[in-house]
Amino acid sequence: MNMNPTPRSSNDPQNPQNWPDSKKWIVTIVSVNLALSVSFASSAPTSAFAETVRVFNINSETAYSIVTVFLLGFAIGPTFWGPGSELYGRRPVILGAMFAYILFHLGQALAHNIESLLVCRFFSGFFGVAPLAVDGGIFADIWPAIGRGPAASLFATSVFLGPVLGPLVGGFIASSSVTWRWIYWVMMMFAGACTAIAVIFLPETNASVLLLKKVRRLRKEDPENNAHLFAGHEMEDWSLKGIAQRTLYRPFKMLMLEPILVLVTVYISVVYAVLYALFEAIPIIFIETRGFTLWENGLIFIGVGIGTTLGAVINILCSLHYPGLVRKWKGFPPPEERLYGAMIGAPCLIVGAFWLGWTGQYARIHWYVPAISTIFIGASISLIFMSFLSYLLDVYLIHAASAFAANTILRSLVAAAFPLFTVQMYHNLGINWASTLVGLIGVVLAPSPFLFYKFGKQIRRHSKFAPCIDLEIEKQLEAEACSRREGSIMIP
């Protein structure tokens, strides 16, 4: 007998979907805090680059790779942690990865040469990306589709607020009397505190794993009568080949064949890279050009934080109509209804890039003028990211995990590369023209959400991976409307 892999009883207390909202929000906040602690560590060391160059006697390009190798770990890690959480459960994967993440932070704080620092940074990224890779699964485990929006917005905000807080806190530490190594100690303590909270308050949420444990317990209690019981989880192909098929082959196949996934991934990769490019560009604009201290330079990132928060709020406002659409479309409204945030964010990125470049170039322009532009950039990053990820989820549904895997790998690789040439680009082209180049890339990509909104339905019709359930429902709604019209005509 195959026991349903997902408990469906409306009153089954073992089903995470039936947990009280208070418990769901505790799990959500704990998960988001873990993601925040990791994303914070991705950028915090940028404030100590100058001291790192001096202590280890290296060039600036090598110092920039401290961020690059961390993001390379981000790119590789999800191929392990996503399948691992499906096989063993969310809790053991996240906690195990976070314990390793903390240990590699200890290695960074005690590193005596650049080689050991870079190795520890890579493995910190590799293990630390686990919450970012698994949190989406946790939210899907505990929240219904309609109620998932606020949790997803909170998570996306943490992904961007973390890197923004990094230079702010790091700049304060680097400007104080303590050693630069305290940046790494603070990262470790932050991660340790969040992990300790997770040990207490983060239960297992994967319903398939919970049911598997229940089936195994029943078989153990009564081997003779329950020998025929098994969980759907046991029927999955968990061989190395099967896992590789889902986590590597299918994502890259989709990336080659799906125009929606290709363009969305390129756009999100550029936006994500712009965020990490800011960690190199803003010091040039405010420290080199205007003489700011590290601490004052870190304060500029408050604008990016305000922008990302505003973007999250706007994205929620753009989704207020969605519950009504879910009811109208029988649970599967057109995915294009998720694109309003990206349509707002696309022009914001262009405005912010040109504004930052052409006001940041000239020291005679007061510092607050380019600083305000970072609000537009932060809002655009948040809006485009949240909107497009929701769009991918609704487009690909059962294949969304593969789409996300391809997106995560590519955007992390692109973001890892940007810090290596951002400084040279801003020095060689100038602040104005380097930012103009970013703005022009934004101009090229800006039409994509509008094009998808208008032509997305036609593109999805030809997809091999998009279920297009809304198109079938559209036919049903048209048939029902036609029947009602015919019925009204027949009434004398």
Protein backbone atom coordinates (compact mmCIF):
# COMPACT_ATOMS: atom_id res chain seq x y z
CA MET A 1 0.00 0.00 0.00
CA ASN A 2 1.36 3.41 -0.98
CA MET A 3 0.67 5.95 1.73
CA ASN A 4 0.10 9.43 0.34
CA PRO A 5 3.47 11.25 0.55
CA THR A 6 1.78 14.44 1.65
CA PRO A 7 -0.75 14.21 4.46
CA ARG A 8 -3.98 15.77 3.20
CA SER A 9 -6.31 15.57 6.16
CA SER A 10 -7.55 19.04 7.03
CA ASN A 11 -7.03 18.30 10.73
CA ASP A 12 -3.88 16.16 10.63
CA PRO A 13 -1.56 17.86 13.15
CA GLN A 14 1.45 16.15 11.57
CA ASN A 15 0.88 17.99 8.31
CA PRO A 16 2.97 21.21 8.45
CA GLN A 17 0.27 22.93 6.36
CA ASN A 18 -2.06 22.51 9.36
CA TRP A 19 0.24 24.03 11.96
CA PRO A 20 -1.03 27.16 13.73
CA ASP A 21 -0.06 30.41 12.02
CA SER A 22 1.99 31.37 15.07
CA LYS A 23 4.17 28.28 14.64
CA LYS A 24 4.45 28.88 10.90
CA TRP A 25 5.67 32.42 11.49
CA ILE A 26 8.21 31.27 14.07
CA VAL A 27 9.59 28.78 11.52
CA THR A 28 9.55 31.48 8.82
CA ILE A 29 11.40 34.05 10.93
CA VAL A 30 13.99 31.50 12.09
CA SER A 31 14.59 30.45 8.47
CA VAL A 32 14.84 34.05 7.29
CA ASN A 33 17.33 34.89 10.07
CA LEU A 34 19.59 32.06 8.92
CA ALA A 35 19.50 33.41 5.36
CA LEU A 36 20.19 36.92 6.66
CA SER A 37 23.26 35.79 8.61
CA VAL A 38 24.72 34.15 5.50
CA SER A 39 23.96 36.95 3.04
CA PHE A 40 25.43 39.40 5.56
CA ALA A 41 28.71 37.47 5.51
CA SER A 42 28.91 37.63 1.72
CA SER A 43 29.76 41.34 1.77
CA ALA A 44 30.96 42.22 5.30
CA PRO A 45 34.68 41.61 4.53
CA THR A 46 34.66 44.29 1.79
CA SER A 47 35.22 46.92 4.48
CA ALA A 48 38.49 45.24 5.47
CA PHE A 49 39.99 44.96 1.97
CA ALA A 50 42.61 47.66 2.57
CA GLU A 51 43.78 46.03 5.80
CA THR A 52 43.72 42.59 4.17
CA VAL A 53 45.98 43.86 1.38
CA ARG A 54 48.43 45.27 3.94
CA VAL A 55 48.51 42.30 6.32
CA PHE A 56 48.82 39.57 3.68
CA ASN A 57 50.92 41.66 1.26
CA ILE A 58 48.63 41.00 -1.71
CA ASN A 59 47.24 43.11 -4.54
CA SER A 60 43.73 44.55 -4.64
CA GLU A 61 42.47 42.03 -7.20
CA THR A 62 43.31 39.16 -4.86
CA ALA A 63 41.49 40.91 -2.02
CA TYR A 64 38.37 41.27 -4.19
CA SER A 65 38.38 37.50 -4.69
CA ILE A 66 37.37 37.17 -1.03
CA VAL A 67 33.84 37.95 -2.22
CA THR A 68 34.23 36.00 -5.46
CA VAL A 69 35.14 32.65 -3.88
CA PHE A 70 32.27 32.99 -1.39
CA LEU A 71 29.82 33.43 -4.27
CA LEU A 72 31.39 30.50 -6.12
CA GLY A 73 30.46 28.41 -3.10
CA PHE A 74 26.96 29.88 -3.44
CA ALA A 75 26.85 28.62 -7.03
CA ILE A 76 27.88 25.04 -6.24
CA GLY A 77 26.17 24.45 -2.89
CA PRO A 78 22.50 24.33 -4.02
CA THR A 79 23.13 21.23 -6.15
CA PHE A 80 23.82 19.38 -2.88
CA TRP A 81 21.55 21.03 -0.31
CA GLY A 82 18.34 21.04 -2.36
CA PRO A 83 18.32 17.27 -3.06
CA GLY A 84 19.72 16.61 0.41
CA SER A 85 16.74 18.35 2.02
CA GLU A 86 14.37 16.27 -0.09
CA LEU A 87 16.14 13.03 0.85
CA TYR A 88 17.02 13.58 4.53
CA GLY A 89 14.75 16.49 5.49
CA ARG A 90 15.10 20.27 5.82
CA ARG A 91 16.23 20.37 9.46
CA PRO A 92 19.28 18.05 9.39
CA VAL A 93 20.58 19.56 6.15
CA ILE A 94 20.26 23.17 7.30
CA LEU A 95 21.66 22.57 10.79
CA GLY A 96 24.50 20.36 9.58
CA ALA A 97 25.49 22.87 6.91
CA MET A 98 25.28 25.79 9.36
CA PHE A 99 27.55 24.05 11.89
CA ALA A 100 30.14 23.55 9.13
CA TYR A 101 29.61 27.17 8.02
CA ILE A 102 30.41 28.41 11.54
CA LEU A 103 33.58 26.30 11.72
CA PHE A 104 34.87 27.77 8.46
CA HIS A 105 34.22 31.24 9.86
CA LEU A 106 36.54 30.29 12.69
CA GLY A 107 39.13 29.42 10.05
CA GLN A 108 38.70 32.84 8.44
CA ALA A 109 39.11 34.68 11.72
CA LEU A 110 42.34 32.79 12.49
CA ALA A 111 43.78 32.66 8.94
CA HIS A 112 47.49 33.51 8.74
CA ASN A 113 47.74 33.69 4.95
CA ILE A 114 45.50 34.58 2.04
CA GLU A 115 45.34 31.01 0.76
CA SER A 116 43.75 29.65 3.93
CA LEU A 117 41.40 32.65 4.07
CA LEU A 118 40.19 32.06 0.50
CA VAL A 119 39.70 28.31 1.04
CA CYS A 120 37.65 28.98 4.18
CA ARG A 121 35.64 31.65 2.35
CA PHE A 122 34.78 29.22 -0.44
CA PHE A 123 33.58 26.52 1.93
CA SER A 124 31.69 29.11 3.98
CA GLY A 125 29.76 30.01 0.83
CA PHE A 126 29.31 26.35 -0.07
CA PHE A 127 27.83 25.39 3.31
CA GLY A 128 26.23 28.75 4.07
CA VAL A 129 24.03 28.75 0.98
CA ALA A 130 22.01 25.86 2.47
CA PRO A 131 19.34 28.11 4.09
CA LEU A 132 19.02 30.13 0.89
CA ALA A 133 18.62 26.94 -1.13
CA VAL A 134 16.20 25.22 1.27
CA ASP A 135 14.09 28.08 2.67
CA GLY A 136 11.85 28.11 -0.41
CA GLY A 137 11.05 24.46 0.23
CA ILE A 138 10.27 25.21 3.88
CA PHE A 139 7.82 27.95 2.89
CA ALA A 140 6.14 25.61 0.39
CA ASP A 141 5.94 22.97 3.14
CA ILE A 142 4.11 25.13 5.66
CA TRP A 143 2.25 27.85 3.72
CA PRO A 144 -0.55 27.46 1.16
CA ALA A 145 -0.05 29.15 -2.21
CA ILE A 146 -2.10 32.25 -1.35
CA GLY A 147 -0.42 32.81 2.03
CA ARG A 148 3.11 32.21 0.81
CA GLY A 149 3.63 35.72 -0.57
CA PRO A 150 4.51 37.59 2.66
CA ALA A 151 6.93 34.85 3.73
CA ALA A 152 8.62 34.84 0.32
CA SER A 153 8.87 38.64 0.34
CA LEU A 154 10.43 38.57 3.81
CA PHE A 155 12.94 35.98 2.63
CA ALA A 156 13.85 37.93 -0.51
CA THR A 157 14.30 41.08 1.57
CA SER A 158 16.74 39.25 3.84
CA VAL A 159 18.74 38.08 0.82
CA PHE A 160 19.33 41.72 -0.13
CA LEU A 161 19.41 43.36 3.29
CA GLY A 162 22.19 41.03 4.42
CA PRO A 163 24.70 42.24 1.81
CA VAL A 164 23.63 45.81 2.55
CA LEU A 165 24.25 45.42 6.29
CA GLY A 166 27.66 43.85 5.61
CA PRO A 167 29.54 47.05 4.63
CA LEU A 168 27.61 49.03 7.24
CA VAL A 169 28.65 46.83 10.17
CA GLY A 170 32.03 46.00 8.63
CA GLY A 171 32.80 49.68 8.10
CA PHE A 172 32.07 50.42 11.74
CA ILE A 173 34.36 47.60 12.90
CA ALA A 174 37.15 48.53 10.46
CA SER A 175 37.01 52.16 11.64
CA SER A 176 37.13 51.23 15.33
CA SER A 177 40.11 50.39 17.50
CA VAL A 178 39.66 46.61 17.24
CA THR A 179 41.45 44.46 14.68
CA TRP A 180 39.94 43.82 11.25
CA ARG A 181 39.61 40.15 12.20
CA TRP A 182 36.67 41.13 14.37
CA ILE A 183 34.61 41.34 11.18
CA TYR A 184 34.98 37.57 10.85
CA TRP A 185 34.36 37.02 14.55
CA VAL A 186 31.12 39.01 14.32
CA MET A 187 30.02 36.99 11.28
CA MET A 188 30.67 33.79 13.22
CA MET A 189 28.80 34.99 16.32
CA PHE A 190 25.83 36.16 14.24
CA ALA A 191 25.64 32.80 12.47
CA GLY A 192 26.11 30.95 15.76
CA ALA A 193 23.26 32.82 17.45
CA CYS A 194 20.90 32.20 14.52
CA THR A 195 21.87 28.52 14.40
CA ALA A 196 21.33 28.09 18.15
CA ILE A 197 17.83 29.53 17.76
CA ALA A 198 17.20 27.19 14.83
CA VAL A 199 18.25 24.16 16.89
CA ILE A 200 15.43 24.99 19.31
CA PHE A 201 12.70 26.38 17.04
CA LEU A 202 13.20 24.83 13.58
CA PRO A 203 11.31 21.51 13.28
CA GLU A 204 11.24 19.22 10.27
CA THR A 205 8.78 20.58 7.68
CA ASN A 206 9.13 18.20 4.74
CA ALA A 207 5.84 16.26 4.76
CA SER A 208 7.31 13.45 2.65
CA VAL A 209 10.13 12.89 5.14
CA LEU A 210 7.72 13.10 8.09
CA LEU A 211 5.49 10.49 6.47
CA LEU A 212 8.49 8.29 5.72
CA LYS A 213 9.44 8.34 9.41
CA LYS A 214 5.86 7.47 10.33
CA VAL A 215 5.78 4.52 7.91
CA ARG A 216 9.10 3.21 9.18
CA ARG A 217 7.87 3.47 12.76
CA LEU A 218 4.70 1.55 11.90
CA ARG A 219 6.67 -1.17 10.14
CA LYS A 220 9.02 -1.44 13.11
CA GLU A 221 6.16 -1.63 15.63
CA ASP A 222 4.28 -4.34 13.70
CA PRO A 223 6.51 -5.85 10.99
CA GLU A 224 3.99 -8.54 10.07
CA ASN A 225 0.82 -6.48 9.59
CA ASN A 226 2.51 -3.30 8.31
CA ALA A 227 5.02 -4.85 5.94
CA HIS A 228 2.90 -3.72 2.98
CA LEU A 229 3.05 -0.05 3.98
CA PHE A 230 5.47 2.25 2.21
CA ALA A 231 5.74 5.98 1.58
CA GLY A 232 5.85 7.67 -1.79
CA HIS A 233 9.24 9.07 -0.80
CA GLU A 234 10.65 5.53 -0.95
CA MET A 235 9.60 5.21 -4.60
CA GLU A 236 11.69 8.18 -5.75
CA ASP A 237 14.97 7.56 -7.55
CA TRP A 238 17.56 8.62 -4.97
CA SER A 239 20.51 7.10 -6.80
CA LEU A 240 23.39 9.37 -7.77
CA LYS A 241 22.19 9.22 -11.38
CA GLY A 242 18.64 10.13 -10.40
CA ILE A 243 19.77 13.06 -8.28
CA ALA A 244 22.11 14.31 -11.02
CA GLN A 245 19.22 14.08 -13.50
CA ARG A 246 17.08 16.40 -11.37
CA THR A 247 19.75 18.79 -10.10
CA LEU A 248 22.16 19.16 -13.03
CA TYR A 249 20.90 17.71 -16.30
CA ARG A 250 17.32 19.01 -16.21
CA PRO A 251 18.19 22.57 -15.04
CA PHE A 252 20.76 23.06 -17.79
CA LYS A 253 18.50 21.43 -20.39
CA MET A 254 15.79 23.91 -19.43
CA LEU A 255 18.28 26.75 -19.60
CA MET A 256 19.10 25.75 -23.17
CA LEU A 257 15.50 25.23 -24.36
CA GLU A 258 13.32 27.65 -22.39
CA PRO A 259 13.38 31.30 -23.64
CA ILE A 260 11.49 32.52 -20.56
CA LEU A 261 14.00 30.93 -18.20
CA VAL A 262 16.95 32.19 -20.26
CA LEU A 263 15.89 35.83 -20.32
CA VAL A 264 14.68 35.89 -16.72
CA THR A 265 17.93 34.27 -15.55
CA VAL A 266 20.06 36.74 -17.50
CA TYR A 267 18.10 39.68 -16.08
CA ILE A 268 18.21 38.43 -12.48
CA SER A 269 21.92 37.62 -12.85
CA VAL A 270 22.66 41.18 -13.95
CA VAL A 271 20.56 42.64 -11.14
CA TYR A 272 22.20 40.39 -8.54
CA ALA A 273 25.63 41.28 -9.90
CA VAL A 274 24.81 45.00 -9.72
CA LEU A 275 24.22 44.57 -5.98
CA TYR A 276 27.70 43.12 -5.47
CA ALA A 277 29.24 45.63 -7.87
CA LEU A 278 27.96 48.38 -5.56
CA PHE A 279 30.31 47.15 -2.83
CA GLU A 280 33.22 48.19 -5.05
CA ALA A 281 31.63 51.20 -6.78
CA ILE A 282 30.31 53.06 -3.73
CA PRO A 283 33.75 53.30 -2.04
CA ILE A 284 35.12 54.81 -5.28
CA ILE A 285 32.31 57.38 -5.35
CA PHE A 286 32.32 58.29 -1.67
CA ILE A 287 35.76 57.40 -0.26
CA GLU A 288 38.05 58.17 -3.21
CA THR A 289 36.05 61.08 -4.67
CA ARG A 290 34.55 62.63 -1.54
CA GLY A 291 36.92 61.54 1.23
CA PHE A 292 34.45 59.54 3.29
CA THR A 293 35.69 57.25 6.06
CA LEU A 294 34.89 53.53 5.98
CA TRP A 295 32.16 54.08 8.56
CA GLU A 296 30.60 56.95 6.59
CA ASN A 297 30.84 54.92 3.40
CA GLY A 298 28.98 52.06 5.09
CA LEU A 299 26.13 54.43 5.96
CA ILE A 300 25.49 54.97 2.24
CA PHE A 301 24.24 51.40 2.03
CA ILE A 302 21.30 52.40 4.21
CA GLY A 303 19.83 53.83 1.00
CA VAL A 304 20.08 50.43 -0.68
CA GLY A 305 18.44 48.85 2.38
CA ILE A 306 15.59 51.36 2.30
CA GLY A 307 15.15 50.66 -1.40
CA THR A 308 15.03 46.89 -1.02
CA THR A 309 12.48 47.23 1.80
CA LEU A 310 10.34 49.59 -0.28
CA GLY A 311 10.59 47.15 -3.16
CA ALA A 312 9.29 44.34 -0.96
CA VAL A 313 6.36 46.50 0.20
CA ILE A 314 5.51 47.52 -3.38
CA ASN A 315 5.69 43.91 -4.49
CA ILE A 316 3.22 42.91 -1.76
CA LEU A 317 0.89 45.75 -2.82
CA CYS A 318 1.13 44.56 -6.42
CA SER A 319 -0.02 41.12 -5.24
CA LEU A 320 -3.12 42.22 -3.32
CA HIS A 321 -5.33 41.26 -6.25
CA TYR A 322 -3.84 37.78 -6.45
CA PRO A 323 -6.16 35.91 -4.00
CA GLY A 324 -9.14 37.00 -6.10
CA LEU A 325 -7.41 35.72 -9.23
CA VAL A 326 -6.70 32.39 -7.54
CA ARG A 327 -10.41 31.95 -6.85
CA LYS A 328 -11.42 33.06 -10.35
CA TRP A 329 -8.86 30.82 -12.08
CA LYS A 330 -9.51 27.78 -9.86
CA GLY A 331 -6.11 27.97 -8.20
CA PHE A 332 -3.96 28.63 -11.28
CA PRO A 333 -4.11 32.24 -12.51
CA PRO A 334 -1.90 33.30 -15.44
CA PRO A 335 1.74 33.57 -14.29
CA GLU A 336 2.01 36.91 -16.08
CA GLU A 337 0.02 38.44 -13.20
CA ARG A 338 3.25 38.18 -11.17
CA LEU A 339 5.13 40.62 -13.41
CA TYR A 340 3.85 43.99 -12.14
CA GLY A 341 6.74 44.35 -9.71
CA ALA A 342 9.33 43.75 -12.44
CA MET A 343 7.56 46.26 -14.69
CA ILE A 344 8.02 48.89 -11.95
CA GLY A 345 11.56 47.80 -11.08
CA ALA A 346 12.93 47.80 -14.64
CA PRO A 347 12.79 51.60 -15.15
CA CYS A 348 13.91 52.17 -11.54
CA LEU A 349 17.19 50.35 -12.26
CA ILE A 350 17.86 52.54 -15.30
CA VAL A 351 17.07 55.76 -13.43
CA GLY A 352 19.17 54.71 -10.44
CA ALA A 353 22.22 53.73 -12.52
CA PHE A 354 22.33 56.96 -14.54
CA TRP A 355 21.58 59.05 -11.46
CA LEU A 356 24.36 57.42 -9.42
CA GLY A 357 26.93 57.70 -12.22
CA TRP A 358 26.42 61.27 -13.35
CA THR A 359 25.99 62.77 -9.88
CA GLY A 360 28.63 60.57 -8.25
CA GLN A 361 31.28 61.58 -10.79
CA TYR A 362 31.57 65.16 -9.57
CA ALA A 363 32.70 65.91 -6.01
CA ARG A 364 31.10 69.36 -6.18
CA ILE A 365 27.67 67.73 -6.16
CA HIS A 366 26.56 67.17 -2.57
CA TRP A 367 26.94 63.58 -1.39
CA TYR A 368 23.25 63.10 -0.62
CA VAL A 369 22.33 63.43 -4.32
CA PRO A 370 24.07 60.22 -5.47
CA ALA A 371 23.18 58.62 -2.12
CA ILE A 372 19.46 59.00 -2.85
CA SER A 373 19.93 57.17 -6.15
CA THR A 374 20.80 54.01 -4.22
CA ILE A 375 17.19 53.87 -3.01
CA PHE A 376 16.05 53.48 -6.63
CA ILE A 377 18.71 50.84 -7.28
CA GLY A 378 17.78 48.91 -4.13
CA ALA A 379 14.07 49.04 -4.96
CA SER A 380 14.70 47.87 -8.52
CA ILE A 381 16.82 44.94 -7.37
CA SER A 382 14.15 43.82 -4.90
CA LEU A 383 11.21 44.28 -7.29
CA ILE A 384 12.82 42.51 -10.24
CA PHE A 385 14.12 39.65 -8.13
CA MET A 386 10.88 38.92 -6.25
CA SER A 387 8.62 39.39 -9.24
CA PHE A 388 10.59 37.21 -11.63
CA LEU A 389 11.17 34.39 -9.14
CA SER A 390 7.41 34.27 -8.47
CA TYR A 391 6.88 34.24 -12.23
CA LEU A 392 9.24 31.30 -12.70
CA LEU A 393 7.49 29.40 -9.91
CA ASP A 394 4.07 29.85 -11.53
CA VAL A 395 5.33 29.14 -15.05
CA TYR A 396 7.13 25.87 -14.32
CA LEU A 397 5.28 24.57 -11.22
CA ILE A 398 6.51 20.94 -10.83
CA HIS A 399 9.73 21.86 -12.64
CA ALA A 400 10.21 25.10 -10.67
CA ALA A 401 12.99 23.58 -8.53
CA SER A 402 15.02 22.87 -11.68
CA ALA A 403 14.36 26.38 -12.98
CA PHE A 404 15.47 27.86 -9.65
CA ALA A 405 18.59 25.69 -9.62
CA ALA A 406 19.65 26.94 -13.05
CA ASN A 407 18.87 30.51 -12.02
CA THR A 408 20.78 30.26 -8.72
CA ILE A 409 23.89 28.74 -10.28
CA LEU A 410 24.14 31.26 -13.11
CA ARG A 411 23.36 34.36 -11.06
CA SER A 412 25.91 33.36 -8.40
CA LEU A 413 28.58 32.82 -11.05
CA VAL A 414 27.85 36.21 -12.65
CA ALA A 415 27.83 37.96 -9.27
CA ALA A 416 31.11 36.23 -8.38
CA ALA A 417 32.76 37.64 -11.51
CA PHE A 418 31.61 41.25 -11.15
CA PRO A 419 33.79 42.26 -8.15
CA LEU A 420 36.89 41.17 -10.09
CA PHE A 421 36.53 43.91 -12.71
CA THR A 422 34.22 46.52 -11.16
CA VAL A 423 37.05 48.63 -9.72
CA GLN A 424 39.01 48.57 -12.99
CA MET A 425 35.86 49.46 -14.93
CA TYR A 426 35.07 52.44 -12.71
CA HIS A 427 38.68 53.64 -12.72
CA ASN A 428 39.19 53.25 -16.47
CA LEU A 429 35.79 54.44 -17.72
CA GLY A 430 35.06 56.87 -14.93
CA ILE A 431 32.16 56.75 -12.51
CA ASN A 432 29.80 58.34 -15.03
CA TRP A 433 30.45 56.07 -18.01
CA ALA A 434 30.81 52.88 -15.97
CA SER A 435 27.40 53.51 -14.42
CA THR A 436 26.07 54.45 -17.85
CA LEU A 437 27.15 51.03 -19.11
CA VAL A 438 25.16 49.40 -16.31
CA GLY A 439 22.20 51.63 -17.15
CA LEU A 440 22.39 50.71 -20.84
CA ILE A 441 22.35 47.01 -19.96
CA GLY A 442 19.24 47.81 -17.94
CA VAL A 443 17.73 49.54 -20.99
CA VAL A 444 18.31 46.43 -23.12
CA LEU A 445 16.72 44.12 -20.53
CA ALA A 446 13.92 46.45 -19.37
CA PRO A 447 11.36 45.41 -22.04
CA SER A 448 11.44 41.75 -20.94
CA PRO A 449 8.71 41.89 -18.23
CA PHE A 450 6.45 43.85 -20.58
CA LEU A 451 7.09 41.40 -23.42
CA PHE A 452 6.39 38.44 -21.16
CA TYR A 453 3.19 40.09 -19.95
CA LYS A 454 1.97 40.47 -23.53
CA PHE A 455 3.41 37.36 -25.20
CA GLY A 456 4.13 35.03 -22.28
CA LYS A 457 1.03 32.95 -22.94
CA GLN A 458 2.09 32.24 -26.54
CA ILE A 459 5.65 31.41 -25.49
CA ARG A 460 4.46 29.01 -22.79
CA ARG A 461 2.27 27.14 -25.27
CA HIS A 462 5.41 25.88 -27.01
CA SER A 463 7.29 24.99 -23.80
CA LYS A 464 8.21 21.40 -22.99
CA PHE A 465 8.41 22.14 -19.25
CA ALA A 466 5.62 24.67 -18.53
CA PRO A 467 2.36 22.86 -17.58
CA CYS A 468 0.19 25.83 -18.75
CA ILE A 469 -2.69 24.82 -16.48
CA ASP A 470 -4.14 28.32 -16.75
CA LEU A 471 -4.63 27.83 -20.50
CA GLU A 472 -6.77 24.75 -19.85
CA ILE A 473 -8.74 26.63 -17.20
CA GLU A 474 -9.20 29.50 -19.66
CA LYS A 475 -10.88 27.08 -22.08
CA GLN A 476 -13.13 25.83 -19.27
CA LEU A 477 -14.09 29.38 -18.29
CA GLU A 478 -14.85 30.26 -21.92
CA ALA A 479 -16.98 27.12 -22.27
CA GLU A 480 -18.86 27.95 -19.06
CA ALA A 481 -19.44 31.53 -20.25
CA CYS A 482 -20.66 30.23 -23.62
CA SER A 483 -23.07 27.84 -21.89
CA ARG A 484 -24.45 30.66 -19.77
CA ARG A 485 -24.98 32.83 -22.85
CA GLU A 486 -26.75 30.01 -24.68
CA GLY A 487 -28.90 29.35 -21.63
CA SER A 488 -29.93 32.99 -21.39
CA ILE A 489 -30.86 33.05 -25.11
CA MET A 490 -33.08 29.97 -24.75
CA ILE A 491 -35.06 31.52 -21.89
CA PRO A 492 -38.22 33.09 -23.44
